[in-house]
Protein backbone atom coordinates (compact mmCIF):
# COMPACT_ATOMS: atom_id res chain seq x y z
CA MET A 1 55.11 39.16 -25.06
CA THR A 2 57.39 38.90 -22.10
CA LYS A 3 61.00 37.84 -22.33
CA THR A 4 62.40 34.98 -20.27
CA GLY A 5 63.72 36.07 -16.82
CA GLU A 6 61.45 39.10 -16.59
CA THR A 7 58.08 39.59 -14.89
CA THR A 8 55.47 42.14 -15.54
CA ASP A 9 54.45 44.54 -12.72
CA PRO A 10 50.68 44.61 -12.90
CA THR A 11 50.37 47.87 -11.00
CA SER A 12 52.69 49.95 -13.12
CA GLY A 13 53.03 47.93 -16.28
CA GLY A 14 56.83 47.91 -15.93
CA VAL A 15 59.17 45.00 -16.00
CA ALA A 16 60.96 43.86 -12.81
CA ALA A 17 64.14 41.84 -12.82
CA ALA A 18 63.74 38.26 -11.72
CA GLY A 19 66.43 38.61 -9.04
CA GLU A 20 64.69 41.47 -7.16
CA ASN A 21 62.86 40.88 -3.93
CA ALA A 22 59.20 41.27 -4.51
CA SER A 23 58.59 42.37 -0.94
CA GLY A 24 60.98 45.35 -1.16
CA PRO A 25 59.86 48.92 -0.47
CA PRO A 26 57.63 50.41 -3.13
CA PRO A 27 59.09 53.17 -5.23
CA VAL A 28 58.60 56.69 -3.95
CA HIS A 29 56.89 59.03 -6.37
CA SER A 30 57.61 62.68 -5.73
CA ASP A 31 54.96 65.20 -6.54
CA PRO A 32 56.56 68.16 -8.30
CA ALA A 33 53.82 70.44 -6.96
CA THR A 34 54.67 69.68 -3.29
CA PRO A 35 57.83 71.44 -1.95
CA ALA A 36 60.38 69.27 -0.14
CA ALA A 37 60.29 69.54 3.68
CA ASP A 38 63.27 71.26 5.37
CA PRO A 39 65.51 68.89 7.36
CA ALA A 40 65.16 69.10 11.17
CA PRO A 41 67.90 71.23 12.78
CA ALA A 42 70.61 69.20 14.53
CA ARG A 43 70.29 69.27 18.30
CA PRO A 44 73.43 69.75 20.37
CA GLU A 45 74.56 66.64 22.20
CA GLY A 46 73.10 66.54 25.71
CA GLY A 47 70.47 69.16 24.98
CA LEU A 48 69.77 71.82 27.56
CA PHE A 49 71.65 70.19 30.45
CA GLN A 50 75.16 70.59 29.08
CA GLY A 51 77.85 73.20 29.45
CA PRO A 52 77.20 76.36 31.49
CA MET A 53 73.52 75.59 31.98
CA LYS A 54 74.35 72.27 33.64
CA LEU A 55 76.80 74.05 35.97
CA LEU A 56 74.26 76.73 36.89
CA ILE A 57 71.56 74.17 37.63
CA GLY A 58 73.99 72.21 39.81
CA LEU A 59 74.99 75.33 41.76
CA ALA A 60 71.33 76.28 42.23
CA CYS A 61 70.60 72.82 43.65
CA VAL A 62 73.56 73.11 46.04
CA VAL A 63 72.37 76.51 47.28
CA ILE A 64 68.84 75.18 47.85
CA ILE A 65 70.18 72.18 49.78
CA LEU A 66 72.44 74.34 51.96
CA PHE A 67 69.61 76.73 52.84
CA GLY A 68 67.38 73.76 53.62
CA MET A 69 70.04 72.27 55.89
CA ARG A 70 70.48 75.63 57.62
CA TYR A 71 66.73 75.86 58.20
CA ALA A 72 66.69 72.32 59.64
CA ALA A 73 69.86 72.78 61.72
CA GLY A 74 67.96 72.34 64.97
CA VAL A 75 67.11 68.77 63.96
CA LEU A 76 70.24 67.90 62.00
CA ASN A 77 72.76 69.07 64.61
CA PRO A 78 72.03 66.37 67.25
CA VAL A 79 71.81 63.68 64.56
CA LEU A 80 75.12 64.61 62.93
CA LEU A 81 76.86 64.92 66.29
CA ALA A 82 75.52 61.51 67.30
CA LEU A 83 76.71 60.01 63.99
CA PHE A 84 80.26 61.22 64.42
CA ILE A 85 80.34 60.27 68.12
CA VAL A 86 79.39 56.71 67.19
CA MET A 87 82.00 56.66 64.44
CA GLY A 88 84.58 57.93 66.93
CA ILE A 89 83.92 55.17 69.45
CA SER A 90 83.53 52.40 66.86
CA PRO A 91 87.25 51.44 67.11
CA MET A 92 86.58 50.51 70.74
CA ILE A 93 83.70 48.31 69.60
CA ARG A 94 85.96 46.64 67.03
CA TRP A 95 88.60 46.13 69.72
CA LEU A 96 86.09 44.39 71.99
CA ARG A 97 84.78 42.23 69.14
CA ALA A 98 88.36 41.25 68.18
CA ARG A 99 88.75 39.82 71.69
CA ARG A 100 85.69 37.63 71.19
CA VAL A 101 83.40 39.66 73.44
CA PRO A 102 79.78 38.77 72.54
CA GLY A 103 77.82 41.33 70.57
CA TRP A 104 75.24 41.92 73.29
CA ALA A 105 77.99 42.43 75.90
CA THR A 106 79.83 44.86 73.61
CA LEU A 107 76.69 46.91 73.08
CA LEU A 108 75.94 46.89 76.81
CA VAL A 109 79.45 48.07 77.69
CA MET A 110 79.33 50.87 75.12
CA LEU A 111 75.87 52.01 76.20
CA ILE A 112 76.96 52.16 79.84
CA LEU A 113 80.10 54.06 78.85
CA VAL A 114 78.18 56.58 76.74
CA VAL A 115 75.56 57.17 79.44
CA ALA A 116 78.22 57.58 82.14
CA VAL A 117 80.29 60.03 80.08
CA GLY A 118 77.17 61.96 79.10
CA LEU A 119 75.98 62.31 82.68
CA LEU A 120 79.45 63.37 83.83
CA PHE A 121 79.70 65.93 81.03
CA VAL A 122 76.25 67.41 81.70
CA THR A 123 76.79 67.51 85.48
CA VAL A 124 80.18 69.23 85.31
CA LEU A 125 78.93 71.70 82.72
CA ALA A 126 75.78 72.57 84.68
CA VAL A 127 77.60 73.03 88.01
CA SER A 128 80.40 75.10 86.47
CA LEU A 129 78.01 77.33 84.54
CA ARG A 130 75.93 77.92 87.67
CA GLN A 131 79.04 78.92 89.63
CA PHE A 132 80.20 81.16 86.83
CA GLN A 133 76.80 82.83 86.66
CA ASP A 134 76.88 83.51 90.41
CA LYS A 135 80.28 85.18 90.10
CA ILE A 136 79.39 87.48 87.22
CA PRO A 137 78.62 90.44 89.60
CA PHE A 138 82.15 90.16 91.05
CA TYR A 139 83.65 90.20 87.56
CA THR A 140 81.48 93.18 86.69
CA ASP A 141 82.86 95.16 89.65
CA ARG A 142 86.42 94.26 88.69
CA LEU A 143 85.69 95.30 85.12
CA ASP A 144 84.38 98.66 86.40
CA ASP A 145 87.67 99.26 88.22
CA MET A 146 89.71 98.35 85.15
CA TYR A 147 87.49 100.54 83.00
CA SER A 148 88.07 103.52 85.29
CA SER A 149 91.84 102.93 85.35
CA VAL A 150 92.14 102.67 81.56
CA ASP A 151 89.89 105.69 81.01
CA GLY A 152 91.94 107.76 83.48
CA TRP A 153 95.24 106.74 81.86
CA LEU A 154 93.97 107.64 78.37
CA SER A 155 92.60 110.98 79.60
CA ALA A 156 95.95 111.80 81.22
CA HIS A 157 97.59 111.34 77.82
CA GLY A 158 95.05 113.53 76.04
CA ILE A 159 93.05 110.68 74.49
CA ASP A 160 89.27 110.82 74.73
CA ALA A 161 88.15 107.21 74.37
CA GLY A 162 84.85 107.58 76.19
CA ASP A 163 82.77 106.57 73.18
CA LEU A 164 84.85 103.46 72.55
CA LEU A 165 85.01 102.31 76.14
CA GLY A 166 81.44 103.29 76.85
CA GLY A 167 80.03 101.50 73.80
CA LEU A 168 82.03 98.42 72.94
CA LEU A 169 83.86 97.71 76.20
CA SER A 170 81.41 98.90 78.82
CA PRO A 171 81.08 96.58 81.84
CA ASP A 172 77.32 96.35 81.47
CA ARG A 173 77.63 95.30 77.83
CA LEU A 174 80.26 92.65 78.53
CA ALA A 175 78.32 91.32 81.52
CA GLY A 176 75.22 91.09 79.33
CA LEU A 177 77.14 89.11 76.74
CA ALA A 178 78.43 86.71 79.41
CA LYS A 179 74.94 86.19 80.84
CA GLY A 180 73.55 85.59 77.35
CA ALA A 181 76.22 82.97 76.65
CA VAL A 182 75.49 81.15 79.89
CA THR A 183 71.75 81.23 79.22
CA GLY A 184 72.29 79.86 75.72
CA LEU A 185 74.39 76.98 77.06
CA PHE A 186 71.70 76.12 79.60
CA GLY A 187 69.17 76.12 76.77
CA ALA A 188 71.31 73.66 74.81
CA PHE A 189 70.87 70.90 77.40
CA GLY A 190 67.77 69.67 75.58
CA ASP A 191 69.75 69.20 72.37
CA ILE A 192 72.54 67.45 74.31
CA LEU A 193 70.08 64.97 75.81
CA LEU A 194 68.54 64.35 72.37
CA MET A 195 72.00 63.77 70.93
CA PHE A 196 72.86 61.13 73.55
CA LEU A 197 69.50 59.45 72.94
CA VAL A 198 70.27 59.20 69.22
CA VAL A 199 73.75 57.88 70.07
CA ILE A 200 72.22 55.06 72.11
CA PHE A 201 69.96 53.97 69.24
CA MET A 202 72.78 54.25 66.69
CA ILE A 203 74.99 52.00 68.82
CA ALA A 204 72.19 49.45 68.87
CA GLU A 205 72.21 49.46 65.02
CA ILE A 206 75.96 49.51 64.53
CA PHE A 207 76.26 45.81 63.61
CA GLN A 208 73.38 45.82 61.12
CA PHE A 209 74.12 48.95 59.09
CA PRO A 210 77.24 47.64 57.24
CA ALA A 211 75.30 44.54 56.14
CA LYS A 212 72.46 46.72 54.84
CA LEU A 213 74.92 48.88 52.91
CA GLU A 214 76.56 45.78 51.43
CA ALA A 215 73.20 44.33 50.36
CA ARG A 216 72.07 47.59 48.78
CA TYR A 217 75.17 48.57 46.80
CA GLY A 218 77.21 45.38 46.57
CA ALA A 219 80.87 44.86 47.29
CA GLY A 220 82.31 46.33 44.11
CA SER A 221 80.26 49.48 43.62
CA ARG A 222 81.97 52.85 43.56
CA PHE A 223 79.74 54.27 46.28
CA ARG A 224 80.43 51.26 48.52
CA GLU A 225 84.18 51.73 48.14
CA ALA A 226 83.87 55.48 48.82
CA ALA A 227 81.77 54.76 51.92
CA GLY A 228 84.43 52.36 53.16
CA VAL A 229 87.20 54.93 52.71
CA PHE A 230 85.08 57.60 54.41
CA GLY A 231 84.40 55.30 57.36
CA ARG A 232 88.05 54.36 57.84
CA GLU A 233 89.35 57.92 57.57
CA THR A 234 86.68 59.43 59.80
CA ARG A 235 86.97 56.73 62.48
CA SER A 236 90.73 57.11 62.59
CA TYR A 237 90.58 60.91 62.70
CA LEU A 238 87.90 61.12 65.39
CA PHE A 239 89.40 58.40 67.57
CA MET A 240 92.92 59.82 67.56
CA LYS A 241 91.73 63.43 67.76
CA THR A 242 89.61 62.59 70.79
CA TRP A 243 92.51 60.98 72.62
CA LEU A 244 94.86 63.86 71.85
CA ALA A 245 92.24 66.43 72.87
CA ALA A 246 91.52 64.53 76.09
CA ILE A 247 95.21 64.34 77.03
CA ALA A 248 95.72 68.05 76.28
CA ALA A 249 92.56 68.96 78.21
CA VAL A 250 93.71 67.03 81.29
CA ILE A 251 97.12 68.75 81.20
CA ASN A 252 95.55 72.19 80.74
CA THR A 253 93.11 71.55 83.59
CA ALA A 254 96.06 70.70 85.83
CA VAL A 255 97.72 73.97 84.78
CA PHE A 256 94.54 75.90 85.62
CA TYR A 257 94.47 74.29 89.07
CA ALA A 258 98.17 74.99 89.64
CA LEU A 259 97.91 78.66 88.66
CA GLY A 260 94.69 79.26 90.61
CA VAL A 261 92.42 79.95 87.62
CA ASP A 262 88.71 79.96 88.46
CA PHE A 263 86.54 77.13 87.05
CA PRO A 264 89.36 74.87 85.83
CA LEU A 265 87.01 72.01 84.93
CA LEU A 266 84.88 74.29 82.78
CA TRP A 267 87.87 75.63 80.85
CA GLY A 268 89.34 72.14 80.47
CA MET A 269 86.07 70.88 79.04
CA LEU A 270 85.85 73.91 76.77
CA PHE A 271 89.39 73.25 75.55
CA PHE A 272 88.46 69.62 74.78
CA LEU A 273 85.41 70.60 72.71
CA LEU A 274 87.10 73.45 70.84
CA SER A 275 90.01 71.19 69.89
CA TYR A 276 87.82 69.84 67.08
CA ILE A 277 87.58 73.29 65.48
CA PRO A 278 90.50 73.65 63.05
CA ASN A 279 92.75 76.72 62.91
CA ILE A 280 90.95 78.87 65.49
CA GLY A 281 89.82 76.37 68.14
CA PHE A 282 92.86 76.88 70.36
CA ILE A 283 92.55 80.69 70.23
CA LEU A 284 88.89 80.52 71.23
CA SER A 285 89.68 78.17 74.12
CA VAL A 286 92.37 80.49 75.54
CA VAL A 287 90.29 83.69 75.63
CA PRO A 288 87.86 82.84 78.51
CA PRO A 289 90.50 81.68 81.06
CA PHE A 290 92.68 84.65 80.11
CA VAL A 291 89.85 87.14 80.77
CA VAL A 292 88.82 85.46 84.03
CA THR A 293 92.43 85.38 85.27
CA LEU A 294 92.91 89.00 84.23
CA LEU A 295 89.90 90.08 86.27
CA GLU A 296 90.76 87.83 89.21
CA GLN A 297 94.55 87.99 89.54
CA GLY A 298 95.83 90.69 87.21
CA LEU A 299 97.64 90.96 83.90
CA THR A 300 100.87 89.21 84.91
CA ARG A 301 99.21 85.96 85.99
CA ALA A 302 96.94 86.04 82.91
CA VAL A 303 99.95 86.33 80.59
CA ILE A 304 101.66 83.43 82.39
CA VAL A 305 98.57 81.26 81.90
CA VAL A 306 98.45 82.02 78.17
CA ALA A 307 102.20 81.43 77.77
CA VAL A 308 102.00 78.00 79.41
CA LEU A 309 98.99 77.02 77.29
CA VAL A 310 100.72 78.13 74.09
CA ALA A 311 103.83 76.11 74.95
CA LEU A 312 101.81 72.98 75.72
CA ASN A 313 99.73 73.39 72.56
CA PHE A 314 102.92 73.73 70.50
CA VAL A 315 104.28 70.48 71.92
CA VAL A 316 101.03 68.61 71.24
CA ASP A 317 100.38 69.99 67.74
CA SER A 318 103.96 70.02 66.46
CA LEU A 319 105.54 66.97 68.10
CA ILE A 320 102.88 64.52 69.26
CA SER A 321 100.00 65.04 66.83
CA PRO A 322 101.94 64.42 63.56
CA ARG A 323 103.33 61.14 64.92
CA VAL A 324 99.93 59.92 66.06
CA MET A 325 97.67 61.26 63.31
CA GLY A 326 100.01 60.22 60.49
CA ARG A 327 99.93 61.95 57.14
CA GLY A 328 96.59 63.63 57.73
CA LEU A 329 93.31 63.49 55.88
CA GLY A 330 94.42 64.74 52.49
CA LEU A 331 92.70 68.15 52.75
CA THR A 332 94.47 71.37 51.84
CA PRO A 333 94.65 74.13 54.50
CA LEU A 334 92.45 76.31 52.30
CA ALA A 335 89.85 73.55 52.05
CA VAL A 336 89.86 73.17 55.85
CA LEU A 337 89.41 76.92 56.36
CA LEU A 338 86.63 77.26 53.78
CA SER A 339 84.83 74.21 55.16
CA LEU A 340 84.98 75.75 58.64
CA ILE A 341 83.36 78.95 57.35
CA LEU A 342 80.72 77.10 55.31
CA TRP A 343 79.60 74.59 57.93
CA ALA A 344 79.65 77.20 60.71
CA TRP A 345 77.27 79.29 58.57
CA VAL A 346 75.00 76.30 57.89
CA PHE A 347 74.91 74.63 61.34
CA GLY A 348 76.27 77.29 63.70
CA PRO A 349 78.78 76.33 66.41
CA VAL A 350 78.04 72.63 65.87
CA GLY A 351 79.06 73.00 62.23
CA ALA A 352 82.40 74.43 63.32
CA LEU A 353 82.99 71.43 65.59
CA ILE A 354 82.29 68.83 62.89
CA SER A 355 83.50 70.79 59.85
CA VAL A 356 86.37 68.39 59.10
CA PRO A 357 84.30 65.15 59.27
CA LEU A 358 81.54 66.79 57.22
CA THR A 359 84.02 67.81 54.54
CA ILE A 360 85.45 64.28 54.43
CA MET A 361 81.93 62.91 54.07
CA VAL A 362 81.06 65.21 51.17
CA LYS A 363 84.42 64.58 49.50
CA ARG A 364 84.29 60.79 49.74
CA LEU A 365 80.59 59.99 49.40
CA PHE A 366 79.57 62.58 46.81
CA PHE A 367 82.54 64.03 44.93
CA GLU A 368 84.44 60.75 44.53
CA SER A 369 81.39 58.60 43.80
CA PHE A 370 80.75 60.22 40.41
CA GLU A 371 83.05 60.95 37.50
CA SER A 372 81.48 64.37 36.89
CA THR A 373 82.45 65.61 40.38
CA GLN A 374 85.83 63.93 40.71
CA PHE A 375 87.58 67.21 39.90
CA LEU A 376 86.08 68.76 43.06
CA SER A 377 87.61 66.00 45.15
CA ASP A 378 90.95 66.60 43.45
CA ALA A 379 90.69 70.33 44.24
CA LEU A 380 90.16 69.61 47.95
CA SER A 381 92.96 67.05 48.16
CA SER A 382 96.46 67.94 49.31
CA GLY A 383 99.50 66.51 47.60
CA HIS A 384 97.43 65.10 44.76
CA VAL A 385 98.90 65.48 41.30
CA LEU A 386 96.35 65.52 38.55
CA LYS A 387 97.19 63.26 35.63
CA PRO A 388 97.08 64.98 32.25
CA ARG A 389 94.61 63.69 29.75
CA ARG A 390 95.96 61.51 27.03
CA ALA A 391 95.98 63.00 23.58
CA ARG A 392 93.49 61.46 21.19
CA SER A 393 95.02 59.11 18.70
CA GLY A 394 94.82 60.30 15.14
CA PRO A 395 96.85 61.20 12.09
CA ALA A 396 99.77 63.43 12.69
CA ASP A 397 99.45 66.99 11.66
CA GLY A 398 100.97 67.51 8.35
């Protein structure tokens, strides 16, 4: 007989309390003959892609990307140059739009300006290179005379430098290097024309791209903010750097004319282009006019040319440039030097020209867009003080 408040379980014959849920889980009956299964080992948080393995995989991906970019440098160089040229002239487009110039008129003015500057650049470069190539035999004869004088002076002092002068500094070798450089520049005209073609099409899209970026990422996304900072910094740097380089190139060209240096337009244009290479651009731009003046007019006039160029460069870099460029781009000198080496290895001479804008792009668009790579942006930044992490709240140590 069953007591009040209890029910009989028909399957097991037991008594269940009236308050229990009848739909609860059935009791588990363990079989003493079956051994208990071992618990699964605890997996580390994040699995395989944490710690050193994650770092190694990231470095491997970076190396693969860099080698791929180096392999595709012939295609990427004109595109990247065109991108930064358009970014450099975009302040002029904004200036025209601020004065209520219609969009179609602004694009037309910029296209005409780009085509005119491109034709002028290509024409001056082609004519100067052709004249320089025609005068290489004269420079070779002058180099032969200097070679004989130096070799005789060293022999008179008991120094046998025939192997050195005959191997590294022989006139035939140096003339061959000069002819190879001129031939390579003539071969680059195809890439220059492709670059200006890409510039024209990029200018035609300049009003639509910001709207596409806004629609894709929204106004408050981290990548959108980083892209805005990158655009402002790069536009300001390229615009002001171009004006400073143009002013310095015009002054240097006038100096070349005044001192009778051969091919003043060529060296002025070379100075303008090499001004974008940090740290060593000025040194590279001084070497060709020094050598030409040395062969043409002697050592004294060559030293005078270099001294005047150094003085002018000091005035521009130390007095004018800091006032115009402001506080800079926030890159340490070491970061600028390493970026020059890296991008020159990846893209060649073009990489050296655009090493600073490329580093800004990587820093802003990639390193600062993700929390995991923010420390790389901090490492490249100058004058940035890292904030220490806050200690975790918890009981005080006893």
